[in-house]
Amino acid sequence: MEKNHKFKKTLSLIAIVLVWYANAATGGDGIASEDAAHSICLVDKAIVGDKVEARKCSDAYIKDIKLRRYWTKIAAENGDKISQYNYAVELLSSGNRIERLRAQYWLRLSAGQGNEMARELLQDVIKMPDMTFPPPPPPPPPPSGERK
């Protein structure tokens, strides 16, 4: 019982420190400066393939949509299943049909790594009528006057 209490207390302290750190890094407004992001994540490691550092960079930009999306994509490309799911959700929310179709790719990758939420969302997305590829157009008719 004593160990469980100490563990919960430690987790609470960690949560408080993380919230304080996030507020300090973002100036309290949820937008991390580039220097703050560099102190939260190791950008060089993220760029060369570290999925954990890339997700930290994504998390550093809470309100800056462009930077958050950029780092979420990097983390997804680096193989982070949570970021693959998050990036798919961002693509699904876009008004661009091609991006929404591409979301299926990221959901498949995430689901393939055991992300149950990605698997469930993929099943729903596949059922949507505008989320399938249209059949290819028929070939053009031969020009008039031409014989086969």
Protein backbone atom coordinates (compact mmCIF):
# COMPACT_ATOMS: atom_id res chain seq x y z
CA MET A 1 0.00 0.00 0.00
CA GLU A 2 2.83 2.37 0.90
CA LYS A 3 4.58 1.78 -2.47
CA ASN A 4 1.38 2.51 -4.38
CA HIS A 5 0.90 5.79 -2.49
CA LYS A 6 4.50 6.86 -3.16
CA PHE A 7 4.12 5.97 -6.83
CA LYS A 8 0.94 8.08 -7.18
CA LYS A 9 2.59 10.97 -5.35
CA THR A 10 5.60 10.76 -7.67
CA LEU A 11 3.34 10.74 -10.74
CA SER A 12 1.49 13.79 -9.42
CA LEU A 13 4.75 15.65 -8.92
CA ILE A 14 5.91 14.72 -12.42
CA ALA A 15 2.62 15.98 -13.88
CA ILE A 16 2.95 19.28 -12.02
CA VAL A 17 6.52 19.71 -13.26
CA LEU A 18 5.51 18.90 -16.85
CA VAL A 19 2.67 21.43 -16.78
CA TRP A 20 4.98 24.06 -15.31
CA TYR A 21 7.63 23.26 -17.93
CA ALA A 22 5.12 23.46 -20.78
CA ASN A 23 3.87 26.82 -19.51
CA ALA A 24 7.41 28.13 -19.12
CA ALA A 25 8.38 26.92 -22.58
CA THR A 26 5.34 28.46 -24.22
CA GLY A 27 5.13 31.64 -22.21
CA GLY A 28 1.80 30.39 -20.90
CA ASP A 29 0.05 30.81 -24.26
CA GLY A 30 0.71 27.40 -25.77
CA ILE A 31 3.08 28.62 -28.46
CA ALA A 32 6.63 27.51 -27.98
CA SER A 33 9.40 29.64 -29.38
CA GLU A 34 11.97 27.87 -31.47
CA ASP A 35 14.45 28.11 -28.57
CA ALA A 36 11.87 26.63 -26.22
CA ALA A 37 11.14 23.82 -28.68
CA HIS A 38 14.85 23.09 -28.91
CA SER A 39 14.99 22.80 -25.12
CA ILE A 40 11.99 20.43 -25.13
CA CYS A 41 13.12 18.19 -27.98
CA LEU A 42 16.35 17.33 -29.72
CA VAL A 43 15.62 18.65 -33.22
CA ASP A 44 18.70 17.08 -34.81
CA LYS A 45 17.76 13.64 -33.50
CA ALA A 46 14.15 14.12 -34.63
CA ILE A 47 15.18 15.08 -38.15
CA VAL A 48 17.41 12.03 -38.61
CA GLY A 49 14.77 9.55 -37.49
CA ASP A 50 14.17 9.57 -33.73
CA LYS A 51 10.40 9.16 -33.37
CA VAL A 52 10.30 10.05 -29.67
CA GLU A 53 12.15 13.33 -30.16
CA ALA A 54 10.01 14.17 -33.20
CA ARG A 55 6.82 13.67 -31.17
CA LYS A 56 8.26 15.89 -28.43
CA CYS A 57 8.84 18.58 -31.07
CA SER A 58 5.25 18.18 -32.27
CA ASP A 59 4.00 18.51 -28.71
CA ALA A 60 6.10 21.66 -28.22
CA TYR A 61 3.93 23.54 -30.72
CA ILE A 62 0.51 23.35 -29.10
CA LYS A 63 -1.16 26.24 -30.93
CA ASP A 64 1.08 26.79 -33.96
CA ILE A 65 -0.82 24.63 -36.43
CA LYS A 66 1.76 24.68 -39.22
CA LEU A 67 4.69 23.75 -36.99
CA ARG A 68 2.69 21.17 -35.08
CA ARG A 69 1.60 19.56 -38.36
CA TYR A 70 5.16 19.64 -39.68
CA TRP A 71 6.56 17.87 -36.62
CA THR A 72 3.62 15.45 -36.43
CA LYS A 73 4.39 14.39 -40.00
CA ILE A 74 8.09 13.99 -39.18
CA ALA A 75 7.23 11.83 -36.16
CA ALA A 76 4.80 9.80 -38.29
CA GLU A 77 7.46 9.30 -40.95
CA ASN A 78 9.87 8.24 -38.19
CA GLY A 79 7.43 5.46 -37.24
CA ASP A 80 5.63 6.80 -34.17
CA LYS A 81 2.22 5.11 -34.16
CA ILE A 82 0.55 7.86 -32.15
CA SER A 83 1.83 10.53 -34.52
CA GLN A 84 0.74 8.43 -37.50
CA TYR A 85 -2.77 8.40 -36.04
CA ASN A 86 -2.65 12.12 -35.17
CA TYR A 87 -1.39 13.03 -38.64
CA ALA A 88 -4.16 10.95 -40.22
CA VAL A 89 -6.74 12.79 -38.13
CA GLU A 90 -5.29 16.13 -39.27
CA LEU A 91 -5.46 15.01 -42.90
CA LEU A 92 -9.03 13.77 -42.47
CA SER A 93 -10.07 17.17 -41.15
CA SER A 94 -8.72 18.97 -44.20
CA GLY A 95 -11.01 19.97 -47.01
CA ASN A 96 -8.64 18.38 -49.53
CA ARG A 97 -9.88 15.02 -50.79
CA ILE A 98 -6.37 13.81 -51.68
CA GLU A 99 -5.16 14.52 -48.12
CA ARG A 100 -8.20 12.73 -46.71
CA LEU A 101 -7.45 9.72 -48.91
CA ARG A 102 -3.79 9.79 -47.81
CA ALA A 103 -4.98 9.59 -44.20
CA GLN A 104 -5.87 5.95 -44.87
CA TYR A 105 -2.18 5.20 -45.43
CA TRP A 106 -1.21 6.65 -42.04
CA LEU A 107 -4.09 4.86 -40.30
CA ARG A 108 -2.98 1.55 -41.82
CA LEU A 109 0.59 2.08 -40.63
CA SER A 110 -0.55 3.01 -37.13
CA ALA A 111 -3.02 0.12 -36.94
CA GLY A 112 -0.28 -2.22 -38.16
CA GLN A 113 1.72 -1.28 -35.06
CA GLY A 114 -1.18 -2.21 -32.80
CA ASN A 115 -2.95 1.15 -32.44
CA GLU A 116 -6.54 0.06 -31.85
CA MET A 117 -7.94 3.58 -32.26
CA ALA A 118 -6.34 3.76 -35.73
CA ARG A 119 -7.83 0.39 -36.68
CA GLU A 120 -11.31 1.47 -35.60
CA LEU A 121 -11.08 4.82 -37.37
CA LEU A 122 -9.77 3.15 -40.53
CA GLN A 123 -12.80 0.84 -40.57
CA ASP A 124 -15.10 3.87 -40.37
CA VAL A 125 -13.15 5.86 -42.97
CA ILE A 126 -13.18 3.06 -45.52
CA LYS A 127 -17.00 3.01 -45.35
CA MET A 128 -17.29 6.71 -46.26
CA PRO A 129 -18.53 7.15 -49.84
CA ASP A 130 -16.04 9.87 -50.78
CA MET A 131 -13.07 7.91 -49.42
CA THR A 132 -12.73 5.46 -52.29
CA PHE A 133 -10.99 6.02 -55.56
CA PRO A 134 -13.35 6.66 -58.45
CA PRO A 135 -13.17 4.23 -61.37
CA PRO A 136 -10.84 5.38 -64.12
CA PRO A 137 -12.52 7.36 -66.88
CA PRO A 138 -13.34 5.46 -70.07
CA PRO A 139 -10.84 5.82 -72.90
CA PRO A 140 -11.63 8.58 -75.36
CA PRO A 141 -13.44 7.54 -78.53
CA PRO A 142 -11.31 7.27 -81.66
CA PRO A 143 -11.32 10.39 -83.82
CA SER A 144 -14.07 10.38 -86.40
CA GLY A 145 -13.12 9.13 -89.83
CA GLU A 146 -10.43 6.82 -88.49
CA ARG A 147 -10.75 3.11 -89.13
CA LYS A 148 -9.80 0.38 -86.78
